[in-house]
Amino acid sequence: MPDRPARARAAGLLLLMTPVIWGATFPAAKVALEHVTPWTFVAWSRGLGLVAIAAVLLVRRPPREAWTLGLVPAGVLLGTLMTVGYALQTVGIGHTTATNAGFITVLYVVLAPAGAALIGRHAPDRVDVACLALALGGLALLSIR
């Protein structure tokens, strides 16, 4: 087992690589959309994702007690919502720059706490409100020409 500092460095490197890889998908999608329709792109990318998940499940199956009655319908609902979101995002990438699409997409980071406050029926933190105001200001700047 690696020592703790090495594991911490590896974890930090993985955390750094995640947004780099995620951010690189926007220009890649923009290039791909020059050759295929948004719907074809979504079908292929989500299809490949499904194959990857199926492969992982073949290698490492969750324990039987992890499967509950509501797991499959909840998974289908969440998968459908995510696919709709990806489809809308892909159509949007076709109509704007990769940078703008990335910025608009990352707004979920500040919208999630606002949504949680709304669903939980409590006032959002002041920091959340300030971040939301700044993000919406940035979105407004992107929207005006």
Protein backbone atom coordinates (compact mmCIF):
# COMPACT_ATOMS: atom_id res chain seq x y z
CA MET A 1 0.00 0.00 0.00
CA PRO A 2 1.49 3.40 -0.95
CA ASP A 3 2.40 5.79 1.82
CA ARG A 4 -0.04 8.56 2.72
CA PRO A 5 1.78 11.47 0.99
CA ALA A 6 1.98 9.49 -2.28
CA ARG A 7 -1.73 8.69 -2.08
CA ALA A 8 -2.51 12.34 -1.38
CA ARG A 9 -0.46 13.42 -4.41
CA ALA A 10 -2.19 10.84 -6.59
CA ALA A 11 -5.60 12.01 -5.35
CA GLY A 12 -4.66 15.63 -6.01
CA LEU A 13 -3.46 14.75 -9.49
CA LEU A 14 -6.73 12.96 -10.24
CA LEU A 15 -8.68 15.95 -8.97
CA LEU A 16 -6.65 18.19 -11.26
CA MET A 17 -7.09 15.91 -14.27
CA THR A 18 -10.86 15.69 -13.91
CA PRO A 19 -11.71 19.30 -14.92
CA VAL A 20 -8.97 19.26 -17.56
CA ILE A 21 -10.48 16.20 -19.23
CA TRP A 22 -14.02 17.51 -18.73
CA GLY A 23 -13.09 20.90 -20.17
CA ALA A 24 -11.41 19.30 -23.18
CA THR A 25 -14.69 17.65 -24.13
CA PHE A 26 -16.26 20.97 -25.12
CA PRO A 27 -13.85 21.80 -27.97
CA ALA A 28 -13.88 18.11 -28.97
CA ALA A 29 -17.68 18.14 -29.12
CA LYS A 30 -17.58 21.36 -31.15
CA VAL A 31 -15.30 19.68 -33.71
CA ALA A 32 -17.43 16.52 -33.76
CA LEU A 33 -20.58 18.57 -34.36
CA GLU A 34 -19.05 19.86 -37.60
CA HIS A 35 -19.37 16.30 -38.93
CA VAL A 36 -22.47 14.80 -37.25
CA THR A 37 -25.80 16.02 -35.94
CA PRO A 38 -26.21 16.70 -32.20
CA TRP A 39 -28.54 13.70 -31.93
CA THR A 40 -26.01 11.35 -33.52
CA PHE A 41 -23.30 12.68 -31.22
CA VAL A 42 -25.47 12.17 -28.13
CA ALA A 43 -26.48 8.68 -29.26
CA TRP A 44 -22.86 7.62 -29.77
CA SER A 45 -21.47 9.24 -26.62
CA ARG A 46 -24.26 7.95 -24.34
CA GLY A 47 -24.14 4.56 -26.05
CA LEU A 48 -20.41 4.27 -25.41
CA GLY A 49 -21.02 5.32 -21.81
CA LEU A 50 -23.61 2.58 -21.44
CA VAL A 51 -21.17 0.01 -22.81
CA ALA A 52 -18.51 1.20 -20.33
CA ILE A 53 -20.91 0.91 -17.39
CA ALA A 54 -22.03 -2.55 -18.53
CA ALA A 55 -18.39 -3.65 -18.77
CA VAL A 56 -17.69 -2.46 -15.22
CA LEU A 57 -20.80 -4.24 -13.94
CA LEU A 58 -19.67 -7.47 -15.61
CA VAL A 59 -16.32 -7.26 -13.85
CA ARG A 60 -17.51 -6.02 -10.47
CA ARG A 61 -21.14 -6.66 -9.60
CA PRO A 62 -22.61 -4.85 -6.62
CA PRO A 63 -23.74 -7.07 -3.75
CA ARG A 64 -27.28 -8.42 -4.07
CA GLU A 65 -28.49 -6.49 -1.01
CA ALA A 66 -27.55 -3.21 -2.74
CA TRP A 67 -30.37 -3.77 -5.25
CA THR A 68 -33.61 -2.35 -3.91
CA LEU A 69 -37.08 -2.21 -5.43
CA GLY A 70 -36.87 1.48 -6.34
CA LEU A 71 -33.32 1.38 -7.69
CA VAL A 72 -34.15 0.59 -11.34
CA PRO A 73 -37.01 3.13 -11.77
CA ALA A 74 -34.91 5.81 -10.06
CA GLY A 75 -31.97 4.96 -12.30
CA VAL A 76 -34.14 5.11 -15.40
CA LEU A 77 -35.57 8.49 -14.35
CA LEU A 78 -32.17 9.98 -13.54
CA GLY A 79 -30.62 8.51 -16.69
CA THR A 80 -33.41 10.00 -18.78
CA LEU A 81 -32.98 13.42 -17.18
CA MET A 82 -29.22 13.30 -17.72
CA THR A 83 -29.64 12.27 -21.36
CA VAL A 84 -32.07 15.14 -21.96
CA GLY A 85 -29.56 17.49 -20.31
CA TYR A 86 -26.70 16.18 -22.46
CA ALA A 87 -28.81 16.45 -25.59
CA LEU A 88 -29.74 20.07 -24.82
CA GLN A 89 -26.12 20.88 -23.98
CA THR A 90 -24.91 19.31 -27.23
CA VAL A 91 -27.44 21.28 -29.28
CA GLY A 92 -26.28 24.41 -27.43
CA ILE A 93 -22.62 23.68 -28.18
CA GLY A 94 -23.55 23.68 -31.85
CA HIS A 95 -24.86 27.25 -31.52
CA THR A 96 -22.18 28.91 -29.38
CA THR A 97 -18.48 28.68 -28.63
CA ALA A 98 -17.04 25.82 -26.59
CA THR A 99 -15.97 28.34 -23.94
CA ASN A 100 -19.46 29.76 -23.54
CA ALA A 101 -20.98 26.28 -23.44
CA GLY A 102 -18.54 25.25 -20.72
CA PHE A 103 -19.29 28.35 -18.65
CA ILE A 104 -23.04 27.93 -18.98
CA THR A 105 -22.78 24.25 -18.07
CA VAL A 106 -20.65 24.88 -15.00
CA LEU A 107 -23.39 27.14 -13.61
CA TYR A 108 -24.81 24.01 -12.01
CA VAL A 109 -22.13 24.47 -9.33
CA VAL A 110 -23.82 27.64 -8.08
CA LEU A 111 -27.35 26.64 -9.01
CA ALA A 112 -27.22 23.40 -6.98
CA PRO A 113 -27.06 25.11 -3.56
CA ALA A 114 -29.83 27.51 -4.64
CA GLY A 115 -31.96 24.56 -5.75
CA ALA A 116 -31.24 22.73 -2.48
CA ALA A 117 -32.31 25.81 -0.50
CA LEU A 118 -35.49 26.04 -2.56
CA ILE A 119 -36.33 22.35 -2.17
CA GLY A 120 -35.37 22.38 1.52
CA ARG A 121 -37.37 25.57 2.06
CA HIS A 122 -34.58 27.46 3.77
CA ALA A 123 -32.69 30.62 2.96
CA PRO A 124 -29.46 30.07 1.01
CA ASP A 125 -26.15 31.08 2.58
CA ARG A 126 -24.87 34.58 1.83
CA VAL A 127 -21.85 33.12 0.03
CA ASP A 128 -24.17 31.05 -2.19
CA VAL A 129 -26.22 34.15 -3.03
CA ALA A 130 -23.08 36.14 -3.84
CA CYS A 131 -21.71 33.36 -6.07
CA LEU A 132 -25.05 33.01 -7.83
CA ALA A 133 -25.19 36.77 -8.45
CA LEU A 134 -21.66 36.77 -9.90
CA ALA A 135 -22.38 33.72 -12.08
CA LEU A 136 -25.61 35.21 -13.40
CA GLY A 137 -23.75 38.46 -14.06
CA GLY A 138 -21.22 36.49 -16.12
CA LEU A 139 -24.03 34.77 -17.97
CA ALA A 140 -25.59 38.17 -18.72
CA LEU A 141 -22.25 39.42 -20.10
CA LEU A 142 -22.11 36.37 -22.38
CA SER A 143 -25.65 37.03 -23.56
CA ILE A 144 -25.23 40.65 -24.61
CA ARG A 145 -23.37 41.58 -27.75
